[in-house]
C-alpha atoms as a PDB file:
ATOM      1  CA  MET A   1      15.866  16.980   4.841  1.00  0.00           C
ATOM      2  CA  PHE A   2      19.383  18.300   5.118  1.00  0.00           C
ATOM      3  CA  LEU A   3      21.399  19.624   8.026  1.00  0.00           C
ATOM      4  CA  ARG A   4      24.109  22.185   7.292  1.00  0.00           C
ATOM      5  CA  ARG A   5      27.445  21.571   8.986  1.00  0.00           C
ATOM      6  CA  SER A   6      29.157  24.704  10.179  1.00  0.00           C
ATOM      7  CA  SER A   7      32.154  25.593  12.248  1.00  0.00           C
ATOM      8  CA  SER A   8      29.887  27.867  14.249  1.00  0.00           C
ATOM      9  CA  LEU A   9      27.512  26.119  16.640  1.00  0.00           C
ATOM     10  CA  ALA A  10      24.883  28.796  16.051  1.00  0.00           C
ATOM     11  CA  ALA A  11      24.666  28.196  12.278  1.00  0.00           C
ATOM     12  CA  VAL A  12      22.439  25.102  11.923  1.00  0.00           C
ATOM     13  CA  VAL A  13      19.781  25.158   9.195  1.00  0.00           C
ATOM     14  CA  ILE A  14      17.126  22.485   8.671  1.00  0.00           C
ATOM     15  CA  VAL A  15      15.245  22.379   5.340  1.00  0.00           C
ATOM     16  CA  THR A  16      12.575  20.194   3.810  1.00  0.00           C
ATOM     17  CA  ALA A  17      13.327  17.010   1.892  1.00  0.00           C
ATOM     18  CA  GLY A  18      14.072  17.392  -1.775  1.00  0.00           C
ATOM     19  CA  THR A  19      15.697  20.811  -1.536  1.00  0.00           C
ATOM     20  CA  LEU A  20      19.191  21.967  -0.758  1.00  0.00           C
ATOM     21  CA  ALA A  21      19.313  25.104   1.314  1.00  0.00           C
ATOM     22  CA  CYS A  22      23.016  24.848   1.941  1.00  0.00           C
ATOM     23  CA  SER A  23      24.799  27.932   0.613  1.00  0.00           C
ATOM     24  CA  GLY A  24      27.139  27.720  -2.328  1.00  0.00           C
ATOM     25  CA  SER A  25      26.985  25.476  -5.365  1.00  0.00           C
ATOM     26  CA  SER A  26      28.156  22.329  -3.552  1.00  0.00           C
ATOM     27  CA  SER A  27      26.103  20.182  -1.231  1.00  0.00           C
ATOM     28  CA  SER A  28      29.194  18.463   0.211  1.00  0.00           C
ATOM     29  CA  ASN A  29      28.633  20.209   3.544  1.00  0.00           C
ATOM     30  CA  CYS A  30      25.070  18.886   3.792  1.00  0.00           C
ATOM     31  CA  ILE A  31      24.098  15.809   5.778  1.00  0.00           C
ATOM     32  CA  PRO A  32      20.906  14.077   4.579  1.00  0.00           C
ATOM     33  CA  LEU A  33      18.384  13.589   7.373  1.00  0.00           C
ATOM     34  CA  PRO A  34      15.826  10.769   7.307  1.00  0.00           C
ATOM     35  CA  THR A  35      12.396  11.757   6.051  1.00  0.00           C
ATOM     36  CA  PRO A  36       9.486  11.293   8.448  1.00  0.00           C
ATOM     37  CA  PRO A  37       7.725   7.927   8.176  1.00  0.00           C
ATOM     38  CA  VAL A  38       4.703   7.854   5.891  1.00  0.00           C
ATOM     39  CA  ARG A  39       1.632   5.906   6.960  1.00  0.00           C
ATOM     40  CA  TYR A  40       1.370   2.832   4.725  1.00  0.00           C
ATOM     41  CA  MET A  41      -1.870   2.386   2.799  1.00  0.00           C
ATOM     42  CA  PRO A  42      -2.176  -0.553   0.371  1.00  0.00           C
ATOM     43  CA  ALA A  43      -3.884   0.012  -2.987  1.00  0.00           C
ATOM     44  CA  VAL A  44      -6.478  -2.773  -2.544  1.00  0.00           C
ATOM     45  CA  VAL A  45      -7.837  -4.147   0.742  1.00  0.00           C
ATOM     46  CA  VAL A  46     -10.133  -7.209   0.676  1.00  0.00           C
ATOM     47  CA  GLY A  47     -12.145  -8.443   3.659  1.00  0.00           C
ATOM     48  CA  VAL A  48     -12.827 -12.180   3.204  1.00  0.00           C
ATOM     49  CA  SER A  49     -15.774 -13.962   4.827  1.00  0.00           C
ATOM     50  CA  ASP A  50     -18.011 -17.019   4.420  1.00  0.00           C
ATOM     51  CA  SER A  51     -21.179 -15.998   2.534  1.00  0.00           C
ATOM     52  CA  ILE A  52     -23.409 -18.170   4.754  1.00  0.00           C
ATOM     53  CA  THR A  53     -21.977 -17.719   8.256  1.00  0.00           C
ATOM     54  CA  GLY A  54     -20.379 -14.293   7.791  1.00  0.00           C
ATOM     55  CA  LYS A  55     -17.280 -15.520   9.656  1.00  0.00           C
ATOM     56  CA  PRO A  56     -13.819 -14.419   8.467  1.00  0.00           C
ATOM     57  CA  VAL A  57     -12.090 -17.017   6.264  1.00  0.00           C
ATOM     58  CA  ALA A  58      -9.013 -15.155   5.028  1.00  0.00           C
ATOM     59  CA  ASP A  59      -6.661 -17.354   7.088  1.00  0.00           C
ATOM     60  CA  SER A  60      -5.988 -19.777   4.204  1.00  0.00           C
ATOM     61  CA  ALA A  61      -7.237 -17.613   1.339  1.00  0.00           C
ATOM     62  CA  SER A  62      -5.031 -16.284  -1.432  1.00  0.00           C
ATOM     63  CA  GLY A  63      -5.543 -14.199  -4.521  1.00  0.00           C
ATOM     64  CA  THR A  64      -4.283 -11.687  -7.042  1.00  0.00           C
ATOM     65  CA  VAL A  65      -4.733  -8.112  -8.199  1.00  0.00           C
ATOM     66  CA  ARG A  66      -3.980  -7.866 -11.927  1.00  0.00           C
ATOM     67  CA  THR A  67      -4.155  -6.063 -15.223  1.00  0.00           C
ATOM     68  CA  ILE A  68      -2.904  -7.267 -18.588  1.00  0.00           C
ATOM     69  CA  SER A  69       0.581  -5.919 -17.794  1.00  0.00           C
ATOM     70  CA  ALA A  70       0.843  -6.114 -13.986  1.00  0.00           C
ATOM     71  CA  ASN A  71       0.161  -8.717 -11.316  1.00  0.00           C
ATOM     72  CA  ASP A  72       0.434  -8.709  -7.514  1.00  0.00           C
ATOM     73  CA  SER A  73      -0.356 -11.484  -5.037  1.00  0.00           C
ATOM     74  CA  LEU A  74      -2.705 -10.628  -2.210  1.00  0.00           C
ATOM     75  CA  ARG A  75      -1.045 -10.886   1.202  1.00  0.00           C
ATOM     76  CA  HIS A  76      -2.420 -11.384   4.696  1.00  0.00           C
ATOM     77  CA  TRP A  77      -2.841  -8.328   6.894  1.00  0.00           C
ATOM     78  CA  THR A  78      -2.268  -9.074  10.553  1.00  0.00           C
ATOM     79  CA  PRO A  79      -4.135  -8.028  12.525  1.00  0.00           C
ATOM     80  CA  PRO A  80      -6.896  -8.548  11.542  1.00  0.00           C
ATOM     81  CA  ASP A  81      -6.425 -11.918   9.911  1.00  0.00           C
ATOM     82  CA  SER A  82      -9.686 -11.499   7.948  1.00  0.00           C
ATOM     83  CA  VAL A  83      -8.116  -9.116   5.421  1.00  0.00           C
ATOM     84  CA  LEU A  84      -5.923  -9.506   2.333  1.00  0.00           C
ATOM     85  CA  TYR A  85      -4.176  -6.632   0.572  1.00  0.00           C
ATOM     86  CA  GLY A  86      -2.378  -5.848  -2.695  1.00  0.00           C
ATOM     87  CA  ASP A  87       0.118  -3.152  -3.590  1.00  0.00           C
ATOM     88  CA  LEU A  88      -0.265  -2.239  -7.245  1.00  0.00           C
ATOM     89  CA  GLY A  89      -0.586   1.505  -7.783  1.00  0.00           C
ATOM     90  CA  VAL A  90      -3.214   3.685  -9.392  1.00  0.00           C
ATOM     91  CA  GLY A  91      -5.190   1.922 -12.140  1.00  0.00           C
ATOM     92  CA  THR A  92      -8.085  -0.424 -12.953  1.00  0.00           C
ATOM     93  CA  TYR A  93      -7.751  -4.066 -11.890  1.00  0.00           C
ATOM     94  CA  THR A  94      -9.337  -7.485 -11.639  1.00  0.00           C
ATOM     95  CA  VAL A  95      -9.220  -8.905  -8.099  1.00  0.00           C
ATOM     96  CA  MET A  96      -9.491 -12.659  -7.480  1.00  0.00           C
ATOM     97  CA  VAL A  97      -9.725 -14.426  -4.092  1.00  0.00           C
ATOM     98  CA  GLN A  98      -9.695 -18.197  -3.619  1.00  0.00           C
ATOM     99  CA  ARG A  99      -9.753 -20.563  -0.659  1.00  0.00           C
ATOM    100  CA  PRO A 100      -9.990 -24.369  -0.431  1.00  0.00           C
ATOM    101  CA  GLY A 101     -13.636 -25.435  -0.043  1.00  0.00           C
ATOM    102  CA  TYR A 102     -14.984 -22.254  -1.686  1.00  0.00           C
ATOM    103  CA  LEU A 103     -15.705 -21.033  -5.199  1.00  0.00           C
ATOM    104  CA  PRO A 104     -13.249 -18.413  -6.492  1.00  0.00           C
ATOM    105  CA  TRP A 105     -14.450 -14.810  -6.085  1.00  0.00           C
ATOM    106  CA  TYR A 106     -13.795 -12.177  -8.757  1.00  0.00           C
ATOM    107  CA  ARG A 107     -14.341  -8.424  -8.914  1.00  0.00           C
ATOM    108  CA  TYR A 108     -13.723  -6.709 -12.265  1.00  0.00           C
ATOM    109  CA  ASN A 109     -12.950  -3.061 -13.050  1.00  0.00           C
ATOM    110  CA  VAL A 110     -11.742  -2.219  -9.546  1.00  0.00           C
ATOM    111  CA  VAL A 111     -10.517   1.371  -9.724  1.00  0.00           C
ATOM    112  CA  VAL A 112      -7.668   2.567  -7.510  1.00  0.00           C
ATOM    113  CA  ALA A 113      -7.675   6.374  -7.687  1.00  0.00           C
ATOM    114  CA  ALA A 114      -4.796   8.791  -7.115  1.00  0.00           C
ATOM    115  CA  GLY A 115      -4.666  10.876  -3.964  1.00  0.00           C
ATOM    116  CA  ASN A 116      -2.145  13.457  -2.791  1.00  0.00           C
ATOM    117  CA  CYS A 117       1.109  13.392  -4.761  1.00  0.00           C
ATOM    118  CA  GLY A 118      -0.293  10.603  -6.957  1.00  0.00           C
ATOM    119  CA  ALA A 119      -0.267   8.028  -4.156  1.00  0.00           C
ATOM    120  CA  PRO A 120      -3.034   5.411  -4.462  1.00  0.00           C
ATOM    121  CA  ILE A 121      -6.148   5.782  -2.311  1.00  0.00           C
ATOM    122  CA  SER A 122      -7.047   2.410  -0.772  1.00  0.00           C
ATOM    123  CA  THR A 123      -9.985   0.656  -2.409  1.00  0.00           C
ATOM    124  CA  ASN A 124     -11.848  -1.540   0.092  1.00  0.00           C
ATOM    125  CA  LEU A 125     -13.691  -4.662  -1.078  1.00  0.00           C
ATOM    126  CA  THR A 126     -15.589  -7.467   0.647  1.00  0.00           C
ATOM    127  CA  ALA A 127     -15.282 -10.983  -0.747  1.00  0.00           C
ATOM    128  CA  ARG A 128     -18.119 -13.205   0.502  1.00  0.00           C
ATOM    129  CA  LEU A 129     -16.962 -16.663  -0.541  1.00  0.00           C
ATOM    130  CA  GLN A 130     -19.535 -19.312  -1.433  1.00  0.00           C
ATOM    131  CA  PRO A 131     -18.849 -22.833  -0.027  1.00  0.00           C
ATOM    132  CA  THR A 132     -18.581 -25.565  -2.670  1.00  0.00           C
ATOM    133  CA  GLY A 133     -20.358 -28.232  -0.639  1.00  0.00           C
END
Protein backbone atom coordinates (compact mmCIF):
# COMPACT_ATOMS: atom_id res chain seq x y z
CA MET A 1 0.00 0.00 0.00
CA PHE A 2 1.15 3.53 -0.64
CA LEU A 3 0.20 6.85 0.89
CA ARG A 4 0.52 9.96 -1.27
CA ARG A 5 2.18 12.94 0.38
CA SER A 6 0.64 16.25 -0.53
CA SER A 7 0.94 19.83 0.55
CA SER A 8 -2.82 19.87 0.89
CA LEU A 9 -4.22 18.04 3.91
CA ALA A 10 -7.29 17.02 1.93
CA ALA A 11 -5.32 15.15 -0.77
CA VAL A 12 -4.50 11.77 0.81
CA VAL A 13 -4.92 8.67 -1.37
CA ILE A 14 -4.56 5.08 -0.16
CA VAL A 15 -4.12 2.29 -2.75
CA THR A 16 -3.63 -1.45 -2.64
CA ALA A 17 -0.23 -3.10 -2.34
CA GLY A 18 1.64 -3.69 -5.55
CA THR A 19 0.29 -0.67 -7.41
CA LEU A 20 1.32 2.95 -7.54
CA ALA A 21 -1.59 5.33 -7.70
CA CYS A 22 0.54 8.38 -7.14
CA SER A 23 0.22 10.78 -10.06
CA GLY A 24 3.12 11.44 -12.38
CA SER A 25 5.86 9.11 -13.51
CA SER A 26 7.80 9.20 -10.23
CA SER A 27 6.90 7.40 -7.04
CA SER A 28 9.24 9.56 -4.94
CA ASN A 29 6.25 11.20 -3.25
CA CYS A 30 4.83 7.83 -2.19
CA ILE A 31 5.35 6.31 1.25
CA PRO A 32 5.08 2.50 1.37
CA LEU A 33 2.59 1.31 3.98
CA PRO A 34 2.90 -2.10 5.64
CA THR A 35 0.74 -4.82 4.13
CA PRO A 36 -1.82 -6.45 6.41
CA PRO A 37 -0.57 -9.57 8.21
CA VAL A 38 -1.33 -12.86 6.47
CA ARG A 39 -2.41 -15.83 8.56
CA TYR A 40 0.44 -18.36 8.56
CA MET A 41 -0.36 -21.86 7.34
CA PRO A 42 2.46 -24.42 7.10
CA ALA A 43 2.58 -26.76 4.09
CA VAL A 44 2.61 -29.99 6.15
CA VAL A 45 1.19 -30.50 9.65
CA VAL A 46 1.82 -33.82 11.45
CA GLY A 47 0.04 -34.90 14.63
CA VAL A 48 2.27 -37.41 16.47
CA SER A 49 0.90 -40.00 18.90
CA ASP A 50 1.71 -43.40 20.42
CA SER A 51 -0.02 -46.13 18.37
CA ILE A 52 -0.97 -48.11 21.50
CA THR A 53 -1.98 -45.45 24.03
CA GLY A 54 -3.03 -42.71 21.61
CA LYS A 55 -1.19 -40.15 23.76
CA PRO A 56 0.74 -37.32 22.07
CA VAL A 57 4.48 -38.02 21.77
CA ALA A 58 5.70 -35.14 19.60
CA ASP A 59 7.63 -33.57 22.50
CA SER A 60 10.92 -35.27 21.57
CA ALA A 61 10.05 -36.29 18.02
CA SER A 62 11.79 -34.93 14.94
CA GLY A 63 11.52 -35.49 11.23
CA THR A 64 11.79 -34.22 7.68
CA VAL A 65 9.72 -33.28 4.66
CA ARG A 66 11.71 -33.96 1.48
CA THR A 67 11.92 -34.46 -2.24
CA ILE A 68 14.99 -35.30 -4.29
CA SER A 69 15.87 -31.59 -4.52
CA ALA A 70 14.43 -30.06 -1.33
CA ASN A 71 14.50 -30.86 2.37
CA ASP A 72 12.94 -29.22 5.44
CA SER A 73 13.14 -30.26 9.09
CA LEU A 74 9.87 -30.66 10.94
CA ARG A 75 9.50 -28.19 13.81
CA HIS A 76 7.41 -28.22 16.96
CA TRP A 77 4.16 -26.26 16.96
CA THR A 78 3.34 -24.80 20.35
CA PRO A 79 0.63 -25.05 21.37
CA PRO A 80 -0.27 -27.85 20.95
CA ASP A 81 2.95 -29.71 21.60
CA SER A 82 1.58 -32.83 19.84
CA VAL A 83 2.14 -31.37 16.36
CA LEU A 84 5.12 -30.97 14.03
CA TYR A 85 5.11 -28.86 10.88
CA GLY A 86 7.18 -28.27 7.73
CA ASP A 87 7.35 -25.33 5.36
CA LEU A 88 8.18 -26.56 1.88
CA GLY A 89 5.79 -25.21 -0.74
CA VAL A 90 3.50 -26.84 -3.26
CA GLY A 91 4.69 -30.28 -4.40
CA THR A 92 4.83 -34.01 -3.62
CA TYR A 93 6.92 -35.10 -0.63
CA THR A 94 8.07 -37.92 1.62
CA VAL A 95 7.46 -37.19 5.32
CA MET A 96 9.46 -38.98 8.03
CA VAL A 97 8.93 -38.75 11.81
CA GLN A 98 11.19 -40.37 14.40
CA ARG A 99 11.35 -40.45 18.19
CA PRO A 100 13.58 -42.39 20.61
CA GLY A 101 11.88 -45.65 21.64
CA TYR A 102 9.73 -45.80 18.48
CA LEU A 103 10.09 -47.09 14.93
CA PRO A 104 10.47 -44.36 12.29
CA TRP A 105 7.21 -43.43 10.54
CA TYR A 106 7.10 -42.64 6.81
CA ARG A 107 4.40 -41.32 4.50
CA TYR A 108 5.18 -41.25 0.76
CA ASN A 109 3.63 -39.18 -2.03
CA VAL A 110 2.23 -36.51 0.28
CA VAL A 111 0.71 -33.87 -2.00
CA VAL A 112 0.66 -30.21 -0.97
CA ALA A 113 -1.74 -28.45 -3.35
CA ALA A 114 -1.82 -24.79 -4.37
CA GLY A 115 -4.53 -22.51 -3.05
CA ASN A 116 -5.21 -18.83 -3.68
CA CYS A 117 -2.29 -17.01 -5.31
CA GLY A 118 -0.33 -20.29 -5.42
CA ALA A 119 0.09 -20.46 -1.64
CA PRO A 120 0.25 -24.03 -0.29
CA ILE A 121 -2.86 -25.52 1.31
CA SER A 122 -1.91 -27.28 4.56
CA THR A 123 -1.81 -31.07 4.33
CA ASN A 124 -2.65 -32.67 7.69
CA LEU A 125 -1.21 -36.07 8.62
CA THR A 126 -1.32 -38.29 11.71
CA ALA A 127 1.79 -40.26 12.63
CA ARG A 128 0.94 -43.11 15.02
CA LEU A 129 4.37 -44.25 16.17
CA GLN A 130 4.93 -47.90 17.07
CA PRO A 131 7.01 -48.52 20.25
CA THR A 132 10.15 -50.61 19.71
CA GLY A 133 9.88 -52.55 22.96
